[in-house]
N, C-alpha and C. Protein backbone atom coordinates (compact mmCIF):
# COMPACT_ATOMS: atom_id res chain seq x y z
N MET A 1 4.37 38.41 -28.33
CA MET A 1 3.47 37.30 -27.59
C MET A 1 3.90 36.85 -26.29
N LYS A 2 2.98 36.71 -25.19
CA LYS A 2 3.58 36.30 -24.08
C LYS A 2 4.02 34.98 -23.81
N GLU A 3 5.04 34.57 -22.92
CA GLU A 3 5.29 33.45 -22.97
C GLU A 3 4.60 32.78 -21.71
N GLU A 4 4.25 31.36 -21.97
CA GLU A 4 3.38 30.73 -21.03
C GLU A 4 3.84 30.73 -19.52
N ALA A 5 5.14 30.49 -19.52
CA ALA A 5 5.81 30.56 -18.07
C ALA A 5 6.14 31.93 -17.62
N ALA A 6 5.26 32.55 -17.03
CA ALA A 6 5.39 33.82 -16.44
C ALA A 6 5.93 33.78 -14.94
N SER A 7 6.58 34.61 -14.50
CA SER A 7 7.39 34.52 -13.17
C SER A 7 6.50 34.24 -12.10
N GLY A 8 6.83 33.11 -11.38
CA GLY A 8 6.16 32.74 -10.27
C GLY A 8 4.90 31.94 -10.62
N LYS A 9 4.69 31.62 -11.91
CA LYS A 9 3.55 30.92 -12.37
C LYS A 9 4.19 29.55 -13.11
N ASN A 10 3.31 28.46 -12.79
CA ASN A 10 3.81 27.29 -13.48
C ASN A 10 2.73 26.50 -13.95
N VAL A 11 2.86 25.61 -14.88
CA VAL A 11 1.87 24.75 -15.62
C VAL A 11 2.21 23.27 -15.17
N VAL A 12 1.53 22.52 -14.50
CA VAL A 12 1.79 21.27 -13.92
C VAL A 12 0.92 20.29 -14.69
N TRP A 13 1.36 19.12 -14.99
CA TRP A 13 0.69 18.03 -15.33
C TRP A 13 0.91 16.80 -14.41
N MET A 14 -0.06 16.02 -13.97
CA MET A 14 -0.04 15.02 -13.14
C MET A 14 -0.53 13.60 -13.67
N ALA A 15 0.28 12.73 -13.44
CA ALA A 15 -0.44 11.53 -14.14
C ALA A 15 -1.32 10.67 -12.89
N ALA A 16 -2.43 10.47 -13.19
CA ALA A 16 -3.35 10.04 -12.27
C ALA A 16 -4.06 8.72 -12.75
N GLY A 17 -3.53 7.50 -12.42
CA GLY A 17 -4.22 6.41 -12.93
C GLY A 17 -3.77 6.03 -14.37
N GLY A 18 -2.90 6.78 -14.81
CA GLY A 18 -2.48 6.66 -16.26
C GLY A 18 -2.96 7.64 -17.13
N LEU A 19 -3.67 8.46 -16.44
CA LEU A 19 -4.34 9.49 -17.14
C LEU A 19 -3.96 10.66 -16.92
N LEU A 20 -3.90 11.90 -17.73
CA LEU A 20 -3.41 13.12 -17.31
C LEU A 20 -4.47 13.95 -16.97
N LEU A 21 -4.30 14.81 -15.86
CA LEU A 21 -5.10 15.88 -15.52
C LEU A 21 -4.27 17.07 -15.34
N LEU A 22 -4.95 18.11 -16.15
CA LEU A 22 -4.55 19.35 -16.37
C LEU A 22 -4.56 20.15 -14.98
N ILE A 23 -3.45 20.71 -14.47
CA ILE A 23 -3.47 21.70 -13.47
C ILE A 23 -2.90 22.91 -13.67
N ILE A 24 -3.64 24.05 -13.91
CA ILE A 24 -2.97 25.30 -14.19
C ILE A 24 -2.81 26.23 -13.12
N LEU A 25 -1.62 26.59 -12.57
CA LEU A 25 -1.44 27.04 -11.22
C LEU A 25 -1.29 28.66 -11.57
N ALA A 26 -1.93 29.36 -10.55
CA ALA A 26 -1.94 30.95 -10.58
C ALA A 26 -1.96 31.64 -11.87
N VAL A 27 -3.04 31.26 -12.46
CA VAL A 27 -3.12 31.88 -14.03
C VAL A 27 -1.90 31.67 -14.62
N GLY A 28 -1.48 30.41 -14.86
CA GLY A 28 -0.15 30.29 -15.63
C GLY A 28 -0.35 30.10 -17.05
N PHE A 29 -1.66 30.06 -17.70
CA PHE A 29 -2.09 29.97 -18.97
C PHE A 29 -1.90 31.27 -19.76
N PRO A 30 -1.28 31.19 -20.93
CA PRO A 30 -1.15 32.64 -21.44
C PRO A 30 -2.23 33.17 -22.10
N VAL A 31 -2.25 34.47 -21.81
CA VAL A 31 -3.52 35.36 -22.22
C VAL A 31 -3.44 35.74 -23.61
N LEU A 32 -4.15 35.21 -24.63
CA LEU A 32 -4.13 35.27 -26.07
C LEU A 32 -5.29 35.87 -26.62
N SER A 33 -5.16 36.45 -27.87
CA SER A 33 -6.13 36.93 -28.57
C SER A 33 -6.09 36.77 -30.28
N ARG A 34 -6.81 36.32 -30.87
CA ARG A 34 -6.89 36.37 -32.33
C ARG A 34 -7.34 37.68 -32.84
N SER A 35 -6.60 37.90 -33.96
CA SER A 35 -6.98 39.11 -34.82
C SER A 35 -6.92 38.55 -36.26
N SER A 36 -7.45 39.62 -37.33
CA SER A 36 -7.39 39.12 -38.61
C SER A 36 -6.22 39.24 -39.27
N GLY A 37 -5.11 39.29 -38.54
CA GLY A 37 -3.85 39.23 -38.94
C GLY A 37 -3.15 40.54 -38.63
N GLY A 38 -2.05 40.81 -39.60
CA GLY A 38 -1.25 41.94 -39.42
C GLY A 38 -0.22 41.95 -38.25
N ALA A 39 -0.04 43.28 -38.03
CA ALA A 39 1.07 43.44 -36.75
C ALA A 39 0.50 43.24 -35.46
N GLY A 40 1.26 42.64 -34.78
CA GLY A 40 0.65 42.53 -33.17
C GLY A 40 1.12 43.82 -32.33
N PRO A 41 1.05 43.78 -31.09
CA PRO A 41 1.17 45.13 -30.23
C PRO A 41 2.53 45.61 -30.29
N SER A 42 3.49 44.62 -30.95
CA SER A 42 4.79 44.91 -30.75
C SER A 42 5.43 45.48 -32.27
N GLY A 43 4.52 45.28 -33.19
CA GLY A 43 4.87 45.52 -34.55
C GLY A 43 5.35 44.25 -35.42
N VAL A 44 5.29 43.16 -34.49
CA VAL A 44 5.44 41.84 -35.33
C VAL A 44 4.32 41.31 -35.79
N ASP A 45 4.68 40.94 -37.07
CA ASP A 45 3.35 40.19 -37.96
C ASP A 45 3.04 39.03 -37.34
N MET A 46 1.69 39.05 -37.34
CA MET A 46 0.91 37.68 -36.49
C MET A 46 0.46 36.81 -37.80
N ALA A 47 0.37 35.57 -37.61
CA ALA A 47 -0.36 34.76 -38.58
C ALA A 47 -1.83 35.23 -38.74
N PRO A 48 -2.38 34.96 -39.92
CA PRO A 48 -3.67 35.46 -40.18
C PRO A 48 -4.83 34.50 -39.12
N GLY A 49 -5.42 35.55 -38.51
CA GLY A 49 -6.49 34.75 -37.49
C GLY A 49 -5.83 34.30 -36.19
N MET A 50 -4.59 34.63 -35.84
CA MET A 50 -3.90 34.31 -34.83
C MET A 50 -3.02 35.27 -34.18
N GLY A 51 -3.61 36.46 -33.72
CA GLY A 51 -2.81 37.40 -33.35
C GLY A 51 -2.59 37.15 -31.74
N GLY A 52 -1.60 37.93 -31.10
CA GLY A 52 -0.92 37.26 -30.04
C GLY A 52 -1.10 38.61 -28.97
N MET A 53 -2.24 39.44 -29.11
CA MET A 53 -2.33 40.65 -28.02
C MET A 53 -2.94 40.06 -26.66
N PRO A 54 -2.39 40.61 -25.55
CA PRO A 54 -3.17 40.28 -24.35
C PRO A 54 -4.50 41.14 -24.42
N THR A 55 -5.45 40.17 -23.79
CA THR A 55 -6.75 40.45 -23.52
C THR A 55 -7.40 41.26 -22.25
N GLY A 56 -6.40 41.61 -21.37
CA GLY A 56 -6.75 42.12 -20.39
C GLY A 56 -6.54 43.77 -20.38
N SER A 57 -7.51 44.26 -21.28
CA SER A 57 -7.36 45.86 -21.49
C SER A 57 -8.59 46.30 -21.01
N GLY A 58 -9.42 45.89 -20.14
CA GLY A 58 -10.71 46.27 -19.64
C GLY A 58 -11.72 46.27 -20.64
N ILE A 59 -11.66 45.42 -21.70
CA ILE A 59 -12.87 45.33 -22.83
C ILE A 59 -13.91 44.67 -21.93
N THR A 60 -15.17 45.22 -21.90
CA THR A 60 -16.23 44.42 -21.53
C THR A 60 -17.35 44.11 -22.51
N ASP A 61 -17.44 45.07 -23.59
CA ASP A 61 -18.61 44.70 -24.74
C ASP A 61 -18.11 43.60 -25.51
N LEU A 62 -17.96 42.46 -25.19
CA LEU A 62 -17.77 41.23 -26.31
C LEU A 62 -18.19 41.50 -27.48
N THR A 63 -19.69 41.70 -27.55
CA THR A 63 -20.32 41.78 -28.79
C THR A 63 -19.73 42.73 -29.87
N ALA A 64 -18.89 43.65 -29.53
CA ALA A 64 -18.37 44.61 -30.37
C ALA A 64 -17.29 44.05 -31.09
N LEU A 65 -16.69 43.02 -30.59
CA LEU A 65 -15.57 42.12 -31.07
C LEU A 65 -15.96 41.23 -32.17
N PRO A 66 -15.22 40.85 -33.12
CA PRO A 66 -15.13 39.69 -33.99
C PRO A 66 -15.36 38.53 -33.06
N LEU A 67 -15.88 37.47 -33.82
CA LEU A 67 -16.30 36.14 -32.95
C LEU A 67 -15.06 35.34 -32.42
N GLU A 68 -14.02 35.42 -33.46
CA GLU A 68 -12.76 35.10 -33.08
C GLU A 68 -12.07 35.64 -31.71
N GLU A 69 -12.39 36.87 -31.62
CA GLU A 69 -11.72 37.72 -30.38
C GLU A 69 -12.51 37.11 -29.17
N GLN A 70 -13.72 37.28 -29.25
CA GLN A 70 -14.66 36.97 -28.34
C GLN A 70 -14.68 35.37 -27.81
N ALA A 71 -14.25 34.36 -28.92
CA ALA A 71 -14.01 33.03 -28.23
C ALA A 71 -12.30 33.00 -27.45
N LEU A 72 -11.71 33.65 -27.94
CA LEU A 72 -10.37 33.54 -27.15
C LEU A 72 -10.43 34.18 -25.84
N ILE A 73 -11.03 35.54 -25.71
CA ILE A 73 -11.35 36.09 -24.58
C ILE A 73 -12.02 34.99 -23.36
N LEU A 74 -13.04 34.41 -24.02
CA LEU A 74 -13.86 33.45 -22.97
C LEU A 74 -12.78 32.26 -22.88
N PHE A 75 -11.96 31.87 -23.80
CA PHE A 75 -11.13 30.74 -23.62
C PHE A 75 -10.16 31.17 -22.36
N ASN A 76 -9.70 32.38 -22.49
CA ASN A 76 -8.63 32.70 -21.43
C ASN A 76 -9.52 32.84 -20.06
N ARG A 77 -10.79 33.35 -20.12
CA ARG A 77 -11.52 33.44 -18.93
C ARG A 77 -11.73 32.04 -18.26
N VAL A 78 -12.02 30.83 -18.95
CA VAL A 78 -12.21 29.74 -18.41
C VAL A 78 -10.81 29.04 -17.95
N MET A 79 -10.00 29.18 -18.71
CA MET A 79 -8.47 28.75 -18.15
C MET A 79 -8.11 29.45 -16.92
N MET A 80 -8.24 30.67 -17.06
CA MET A 80 -7.85 31.52 -15.73
C MET A 80 -8.81 31.04 -14.45
N SER A 81 -9.98 30.80 -14.58
CA SER A 81 -10.92 30.49 -13.61
C SER A 81 -10.61 29.08 -13.17
N ASN A 82 -10.20 28.10 -14.08
CA ASN A 82 -9.71 26.64 -13.87
C ASN A 82 -8.61 26.76 -12.96
N SER A 83 -7.73 27.56 -13.53
CA SER A 83 -6.42 27.57 -12.71
C SER A 83 -6.62 28.19 -11.35
N ALA A 84 -7.47 28.96 -11.01
CA ALA A 84 -7.77 29.52 -9.70
C ALA A 84 -8.79 28.71 -8.94
N GLY A 85 -9.23 27.72 -9.25
CA GLY A 85 -10.26 26.64 -8.86
C GLY A 85 -11.60 27.28 -8.64
N ASN A 86 -11.87 28.06 -9.40
CA ASN A 86 -13.28 28.92 -9.51
C ASN A 86 -14.14 27.84 -10.11
N VAL A 87 -14.71 27.04 -9.44
CA VAL A 87 -15.71 26.05 -10.09
C VAL A 87 -16.71 26.65 -10.83
N SER A 88 -17.69 27.58 -10.26
CA SER A 88 -18.74 28.33 -10.64
C SER A 88 -18.40 29.21 -11.60
N ASP A 89 -17.43 29.68 -11.68
CA ASP A 89 -16.87 30.68 -12.77
C ASP A 89 -16.73 29.83 -14.19
N VAL A 90 -16.09 28.53 -13.97
CA VAL A 90 -15.74 27.63 -15.12
C VAL A 90 -17.22 27.30 -15.52
N ALA A 91 -18.09 26.83 -14.60
CA ALA A 91 -19.44 26.28 -15.02
C ALA A 91 -20.20 27.45 -15.89
N PHE A 92 -19.96 28.56 -15.64
CA PHE A 92 -20.79 29.70 -16.23
C PHE A 92 -20.12 30.07 -17.46
N PHE A 93 -18.98 30.19 -17.83
CA PHE A 93 -18.11 30.55 -18.88
C PHE A 93 -17.89 29.51 -20.04
N LEU A 94 -17.77 28.34 -19.39
CA LEU A 94 -17.22 27.11 -20.43
C LEU A 94 -18.19 26.92 -21.20
N PRO A 95 -19.67 26.54 -21.35
CA PRO A 95 -20.72 26.48 -22.17
C PRO A 95 -20.49 27.87 -23.24
N LYS A 96 -20.56 28.99 -22.71
CA LYS A 96 -20.44 29.99 -23.73
C LYS A 96 -19.20 30.15 -24.73
N ALA A 97 -17.89 29.76 -23.92
CA ALA A 97 -16.73 29.73 -24.76
C ALA A 97 -16.98 28.53 -25.87
N LEU A 98 -17.63 27.11 -25.52
CA LEU A 98 -17.73 26.23 -26.26
C LEU A 98 -18.54 26.59 -27.39
N VAL A 99 -19.85 27.38 -27.11
CA VAL A 99 -20.72 27.72 -28.29
C VAL A 99 -19.82 28.69 -29.23
N LEU A 100 -19.26 29.66 -28.69
CA LEU A 100 -18.45 30.61 -29.52
C LEU A 100 -17.41 29.74 -30.43
N HIS A 101 -16.69 28.85 -29.87
CA HIS A 101 -15.62 28.07 -30.45
C HIS A 101 -16.45 27.10 -31.60
N GLU A 102 -17.67 26.76 -31.39
CA GLU A 102 -18.38 25.94 -32.40
C GLU A 102 -18.68 26.98 -33.67
N GLN A 103 -19.09 28.37 -33.42
CA GLN A 103 -19.43 29.15 -34.31
C GLN A 103 -18.10 29.67 -35.18
N VAL A 104 -16.97 29.81 -34.33
CA VAL A 104 -15.84 30.22 -35.08
C VAL A 104 -15.41 29.00 -35.91
N SER A 105 -15.54 27.84 -35.12
CA SER A 105 -15.01 26.60 -35.97
C SER A 105 -13.51 26.68 -36.61
N PRO A 106 -12.58 26.90 -35.49
CA PRO A 106 -11.24 26.96 -35.97
C PRO A 106 -10.46 25.68 -36.73
N THR A 107 -9.88 26.05 -37.60
CA THR A 107 -9.22 25.03 -38.51
C THR A 107 -7.66 24.87 -38.35
N ASP A 108 -7.15 25.86 -37.73
CA ASP A 108 -5.68 25.76 -37.78
C ASP A 108 -5.34 25.05 -36.40
N PRO A 109 -4.32 24.23 -36.37
CA PRO A 109 -3.97 23.41 -35.30
C PRO A 109 -3.96 24.18 -33.89
N ASP A 110 -3.49 25.22 -33.82
CA ASP A 110 -3.47 25.83 -32.35
C ASP A 110 -4.96 26.06 -32.00
N GLY A 111 -5.61 26.85 -32.85
CA GLY A 111 -6.99 26.88 -32.58
C GLY A 111 -7.97 25.66 -32.39
N LEU A 112 -7.44 24.67 -32.75
CA LEU A 112 -8.23 23.26 -32.54
C LEU A 112 -7.62 22.62 -31.04
N TYR A 113 -6.44 23.24 -30.80
CA TYR A 113 -5.99 22.56 -29.57
C TYR A 113 -6.71 23.49 -28.64
N HIS A 114 -6.92 24.74 -28.83
CA HIS A 114 -7.68 25.63 -27.66
C HIS A 114 -9.15 24.69 -27.60
N HIS A 115 -9.77 24.66 -28.80
CA HIS A 115 -11.03 24.00 -28.65
C HIS A 115 -10.99 22.85 -28.06
N ALA A 116 -10.07 21.92 -28.35
CA ALA A 116 -10.04 20.55 -27.67
C ALA A 116 -9.75 20.66 -26.11
N LEU A 117 -9.10 21.62 -25.73
CA LEU A 117 -8.89 21.82 -24.03
C LEU A 117 -10.22 22.10 -23.45
N LEU A 118 -10.94 22.95 -24.13
CA LEU A 118 -12.43 23.34 -23.51
C LEU A 118 -13.09 22.17 -23.59
N LEU A 119 -13.15 21.22 -24.71
CA LEU A 119 -13.99 20.10 -24.57
C LEU A 119 -13.29 19.08 -23.41
N MET A 120 -12.28 19.07 -23.17
CA MET A 120 -11.80 18.14 -22.12
C MET A 120 -12.39 18.61 -20.75
N LEU A 121 -12.16 19.84 -20.70
CA LEU A 121 -12.66 20.39 -19.23
C LEU A 121 -14.20 20.10 -19.28
N ALA A 122 -14.88 20.08 -20.11
CA ALA A 122 -16.32 19.83 -20.45
C ALA A 122 -16.46 18.32 -20.13
N GLU A 123 -15.29 17.47 -20.03
CA GLU A 123 -15.27 16.06 -20.07
C GLU A 123 -15.94 15.31 -21.38
N ASP A 124 -15.68 16.04 -22.33
CA ASP A 124 -16.07 15.58 -23.70
C ASP A 124 -14.68 14.97 -24.48
N ASN A 125 -14.36 14.04 -23.98
CA ASN A 125 -13.17 13.31 -24.48
C ASN A 125 -13.43 12.93 -26.04
N GLU A 126 -14.50 12.45 -26.32
CA GLU A 126 -14.81 12.12 -27.76
C GLU A 126 -14.69 13.37 -28.77
N GLY A 127 -15.14 14.38 -28.17
CA GLY A 127 -15.29 15.72 -28.72
C GLY A 127 -13.94 16.20 -28.88
N ALA A 128 -13.01 16.37 -28.05
CA ALA A 128 -11.67 16.68 -27.93
C ALA A 128 -10.77 15.81 -29.08
N LEU A 129 -10.97 14.46 -28.79
CA LEU A 129 -10.35 13.72 -29.72
C LEU A 129 -10.59 13.91 -31.19
N GLY A 130 -11.98 14.16 -31.46
CA GLY A 130 -12.09 14.60 -32.79
C GLY A 130 -11.52 15.93 -33.41
N LYS A 131 -11.50 16.78 -32.44
CA LYS A 131 -10.87 18.18 -32.90
C LYS A 131 -9.24 17.97 -33.10
N ALA A 132 -8.70 16.82 -32.30
CA ALA A 132 -7.19 16.79 -32.28
C ALA A 132 -7.01 15.90 -33.64
N LEU A 133 -8.00 15.03 -34.14
CA LEU A 133 -7.67 14.29 -35.19
C LEU A 133 -7.97 14.96 -36.57
N GLN A 134 -8.94 16.18 -36.29
CA GLN A 134 -8.96 16.94 -37.48
C GLN A 134 -7.74 17.67 -37.70
N GLY A 135 -7.09 18.33 -36.65
CA GLY A 135 -5.96 19.21 -36.83
C GLY A 135 -4.81 18.21 -37.27
N LEU A 136 -4.47 17.08 -36.81
CA LEU A 136 -3.76 16.07 -37.22
C LEU A 136 -3.44 15.66 -38.50
N GLN A 137 -4.74 15.98 -39.13
CA GLN A 137 -4.97 15.57 -40.52
C GLN A 137 -4.27 16.59 -41.49
N GLU A 138 -4.22 18.03 -40.87
CA GLU A 138 -3.47 18.83 -41.48
C GLU A 138 -1.94 18.85 -41.31
N VAL A 139 -1.76 18.70 -40.15
CA VAL A 139 -0.39 18.72 -39.59
C VAL A 139 -0.10 17.51 -38.64
N GLU A 140 0.29 16.24 -39.23
CA GLU A 140 0.23 15.37 -38.37
C GLU A 140 1.22 14.97 -37.33
N ASP A 141 2.20 15.93 -37.29
CA ASP A 141 3.22 15.91 -36.19
C ASP A 141 3.19 17.01 -35.19
N TYR A 142 1.89 17.59 -35.18
CA TYR A 142 1.75 18.72 -34.32
C TYR A 142 1.68 18.26 -32.76
N LEU A 143 2.51 18.71 -31.96
CA LEU A 143 2.71 18.05 -30.75
C LEU A 143 1.67 18.08 -29.70
N LEU A 144 1.01 19.49 -29.79
CA LEU A 144 -0.20 19.88 -28.81
C LEU A 144 -1.29 18.79 -29.08
N LEU A 145 -1.53 18.81 -30.35
CA LEU A 145 -2.60 17.65 -30.67
C LEU A 145 -2.67 16.08 -30.52
N LEU A 146 -1.16 15.96 -30.60
CA LEU A 146 -0.79 14.40 -30.29
C LEU A 146 -1.03 14.34 -28.99
N ALA A 147 -0.66 15.40 -28.04
CA ALA A 147 -0.75 15.11 -26.62
C ALA A 147 -2.19 15.00 -26.15
N VAL A 148 -3.16 15.85 -26.71
CA VAL A 148 -4.49 15.88 -26.39
C VAL A 148 -5.10 14.49 -26.95
N ALA A 149 -4.67 14.06 -28.17
CA ALA A 149 -5.18 12.78 -28.68
C ALA A 149 -4.82 11.64 -27.82
N GLY A 150 -3.80 11.59 -27.29
CA GLY A 150 -3.25 10.71 -26.38
C GLY A 150 -3.78 10.58 -25.03
N GLU A 151 -4.09 12.03 -24.66
CA GLU A 151 -5.00 11.86 -23.37
C GLU A 151 -6.40 11.52 -23.38
N ALA A 152 -6.96 11.96 -24.38
CA ALA A 152 -8.26 11.62 -24.53
C ALA A 152 -8.62 10.47 -24.98
N SER A 153 -7.69 9.71 -25.70
CA SER A 153 -7.83 8.24 -25.98
C SER A 153 -7.63 7.43 -24.65
N ALA A 154 -6.72 7.92 -23.68
CA ALA A 154 -6.41 7.11 -22.50
C ALA A 154 -7.74 7.23 -21.57
N ASN A 155 -8.31 8.52 -21.69
CA ASN A 155 -9.53 8.70 -20.97
C ASN A 155 -10.72 7.99 -21.37
N LEU A 156 -10.79 7.61 -22.72
CA LEU A 156 -11.80 6.83 -23.18
C LEU A 156 -11.54 5.26 -23.36
N GLY A 157 -10.47 4.84 -22.64
CA GLY A 157 -10.19 3.59 -22.37
C GLY A 157 -9.48 2.87 -23.43
N ASP A 158 -8.98 3.78 -24.60
CA ASP A 158 -8.28 2.98 -25.70
C ASP A 158 -6.75 3.08 -25.50
N SER A 159 -6.31 2.27 -24.74
CA SER A 159 -4.86 2.50 -24.50
C SER A 159 -4.12 2.33 -25.58
N ALA A 160 -4.27 1.36 -26.54
CA ALA A 160 -3.47 1.16 -27.70
C ALA A 160 -3.60 2.31 -28.55
N ALA A 161 -4.50 3.20 -28.62
CA ALA A 161 -4.51 4.41 -29.52
C ALA A 161 -3.74 5.48 -28.68
N ALA A 162 -3.83 5.41 -27.40
CA ALA A 162 -3.13 6.58 -26.70
C ALA A 162 -1.63 6.20 -26.79
N ARG A 163 -1.20 4.97 -26.70
CA ARG A 163 0.31 4.51 -26.97
C ARG A 163 0.74 5.05 -28.11
N GLY A 164 -0.12 4.88 -29.13
CA GLY A 164 0.25 5.21 -30.58
C GLY A 164 0.41 6.81 -30.92
N PHE A 165 -0.52 7.70 -30.07
CA PHE A 165 -0.26 9.02 -30.20
C PHE A 165 1.04 9.33 -29.43
N TYR A 166 1.13 8.96 -28.02
CA TYR A 166 2.24 9.28 -27.53
C TYR A 166 3.71 9.00 -27.80
N ALA A 167 3.73 7.61 -28.62
CA ALA A 167 4.82 7.24 -29.30
C ALA A 167 5.25 8.09 -30.53
N HIS A 168 4.22 8.55 -31.23
CA HIS A 168 4.52 9.35 -32.29
C HIS A 168 4.87 10.83 -31.61
N PHE A 169 4.18 11.32 -30.79
CA PHE A 169 4.75 12.54 -29.98
C PHE A 169 6.29 12.56 -29.78
N LEU A 170 6.64 11.59 -29.14
CA LEU A 170 8.04 11.23 -28.71
C LEU A 170 9.09 11.08 -29.92
N GLU A 171 8.45 10.39 -31.01
CA GLU A 171 9.35 10.29 -32.24
C GLU A 171 9.59 11.67 -32.83
N VAL A 172 8.78 12.39 -33.12
CA VAL A 172 8.81 13.82 -33.50
C VAL A 172 9.38 15.07 -32.79
N TYR A 173 9.46 14.68 -31.56
CA TYR A 173 9.43 15.87 -30.50
C TYR A 173 10.72 16.71 -30.83
N GLU A 174 11.75 16.14 -31.14
CA GLU A 174 12.92 17.02 -31.27
C GLU A 174 12.91 17.81 -32.45
N VAL A 175 12.40 17.19 -33.60
CA VAL A 175 12.22 17.86 -34.92
C VAL A 175 11.33 18.99 -34.75
N GLU A 176 10.19 18.51 -34.08
CA GLU A 176 9.08 19.56 -33.99
C GLU A 176 9.47 20.82 -33.07
N MET A 177 10.40 20.63 -32.01
CA MET A 177 10.74 21.62 -31.20
C MET A 177 11.78 22.68 -32.03
N ALA A 178 12.40 21.96 -32.80
CA ALA A 178 13.48 22.76 -33.82
C ALA A 178 12.69 23.42 -34.72
N LEU A 179 11.55 23.07 -35.42
CA LEU A 179 10.55 23.73 -36.28
C LEU A 179 9.92 25.13 -35.63
N MET A 180 9.43 24.85 -34.19
CA MET A 180 8.82 25.83 -33.52
C MET A 180 7.80 26.29 -34.25
N ARG A 181 6.74 25.34 -34.65
CA ARG A 181 5.54 25.83 -35.19
C ARG A 181 4.61 26.88 -34.65
N PHE A 182 3.88 27.27 -35.30
CA PHE A 182 3.13 28.35 -34.81
C PHE A 182 2.16 27.78 -33.68
N GLY A 183 1.98 28.29 -32.44
CA GLY A 183 1.32 27.98 -31.43
C GLY A 183 2.29 27.34 -30.24
N TYR A 184 3.30 26.76 -30.96
CA TYR A 184 4.27 26.39 -29.70
C TYR A 184 4.94 27.40 -29.06
N ASP A 185 5.11 28.58 -29.58
CA ASP A 185 5.79 29.67 -28.75
C ASP A 185 4.99 30.06 -27.48
N HIS A 186 3.91 29.93 -27.63
CA HIS A 186 2.91 30.38 -26.32
C HIS A 186 2.54 29.28 -25.60
N HIS A 187 3.09 27.91 -25.98
CA HIS A 187 2.68 26.81 -24.92
C HIS A 187 4.04 26.29 -24.76
N GLN A 188 5.26 27.00 -24.68
CA GLN A 188 6.37 26.35 -24.69
C GLN A 188 6.64 25.55 -23.31
N ALA A 189 6.02 26.01 -22.29
CA ALA A 189 6.25 25.57 -20.84
C ALA A 189 5.58 24.06 -20.74
N ILE A 190 4.56 24.13 -21.56
CA ILE A 190 3.69 22.67 -21.28
C ILE A 190 4.38 21.61 -22.20
N LEU A 191 5.01 21.90 -23.29
CA LEU A 191 5.63 20.92 -24.25
C LEU A 191 6.60 19.88 -23.48
N PRO A 192 7.70 20.29 -22.65
CA PRO A 192 8.28 19.26 -22.27
C PRO A 192 7.61 18.46 -20.99
N ILE A 193 6.54 19.01 -20.57
CA ILE A 193 5.87 18.30 -19.50
C ILE A 193 5.01 17.33 -20.23
N TYR A 194 4.25 17.65 -21.32
CA TYR A 194 3.81 16.66 -22.10
C TYR A 194 4.70 15.49 -22.45
N ARG A 195 5.81 15.97 -22.65
CA ARG A 195 6.88 14.83 -23.17
C ARG A 195 7.09 13.79 -22.06
N GLU A 196 7.14 14.28 -20.72
CA GLU A 196 7.30 13.56 -19.62
C GLU A 196 6.12 12.60 -19.35
N ALA A 197 4.90 13.39 -19.65
CA ALA A 197 3.74 12.53 -19.53
C ALA A 197 3.53 11.54 -20.51
N ALA A 198 4.13 11.51 -21.44
CA ALA A 198 4.14 10.50 -22.71
C ALA A 198 5.07 9.41 -22.32
N VAL A 199 6.12 9.73 -21.71
CA VAL A 199 7.21 8.82 -21.36
C VAL A 199 6.90 8.01 -20.24
N ALA A 200 5.95 8.49 -19.18
CA ALA A 200 5.50 8.02 -18.19
C ALA A 200 4.49 6.94 -18.52
N PHE A 201 3.52 7.49 -19.66
CA PHE A 201 2.49 6.59 -19.92
C PHE A 201 3.09 5.44 -20.59
N LEU A 202 3.80 5.74 -21.66
CA LEU A 202 4.36 4.47 -22.11
C LEU A 202 5.34 3.41 -21.23
N GLY A 203 5.84 4.23 -20.42
CA GLY A 203 6.67 3.32 -19.42
C GLY A 203 5.75 2.54 -18.57
N GLY A 204 4.76 2.97 -18.23
CA GLY A 204 3.87 2.09 -17.20
C GLY A 204 2.54 1.59 -17.96
N GLY A 205 2.39 1.74 -19.42
CA GLY A 205 1.18 1.52 -19.77
C GLY A 205 1.05 -0.03 -20.21
C-alpha cells in the first residue's frame, strides 16, 4: 500500500477562523482501491473490501468494475482534482463519487472516513458528521473519524461538540498510533497534522 507522503508531495491542514480547511498539494492523497479481499499487488493480504492497489492502470471502463472499485477510483479522482485546484473537475466528479458511495454504503471506519471527506468537499457538514458518528459507534477511538467529527462540528457552530471530539482525539492518539488500525497506514501523513489542529483548536477555542 502506498504511503500518503510521496516524495515532494505534502498534505497540509490550515486553521482558518478556528475551522480546518483541507489542502492537498500536488496529488498528495494516496491512490487507493477496494477489492473483495485477498492478496494485494505485493502478495500482502488485504482486509476484506479494503484492497490497496494503485488505480492508475489506464482503466477507463468503470462499469466493468465492482461498485466498491468504482467508488474508490472516483474518490481518488476527486481528491486529486481538488489537490490540483481543478474546480470544474471536482464539480463534475464529486456528485458521481457521492452517488457511488451512497450505493456502496461503506460501514468500515476507513470507508466512512472517505465518504465523510467527500461530503465535506460538498459542504455537507451534517452528512459528514453523520458518517463520522456512524463509524465511531463501531470504533469509538478511530482517529480519522474523530478529526472529521471535530471539524464538521466546528463548521456547524457546535464548538462544545468539536472540543469534545478533539479532546478525545488527543486522549487516545498515542495508543491508537501504536495500534495502527487499518486505514491509518495510508493516512499516516495527515494524522500528526490532525493532532496539531486539535491542539490548536483546544488552545484557542
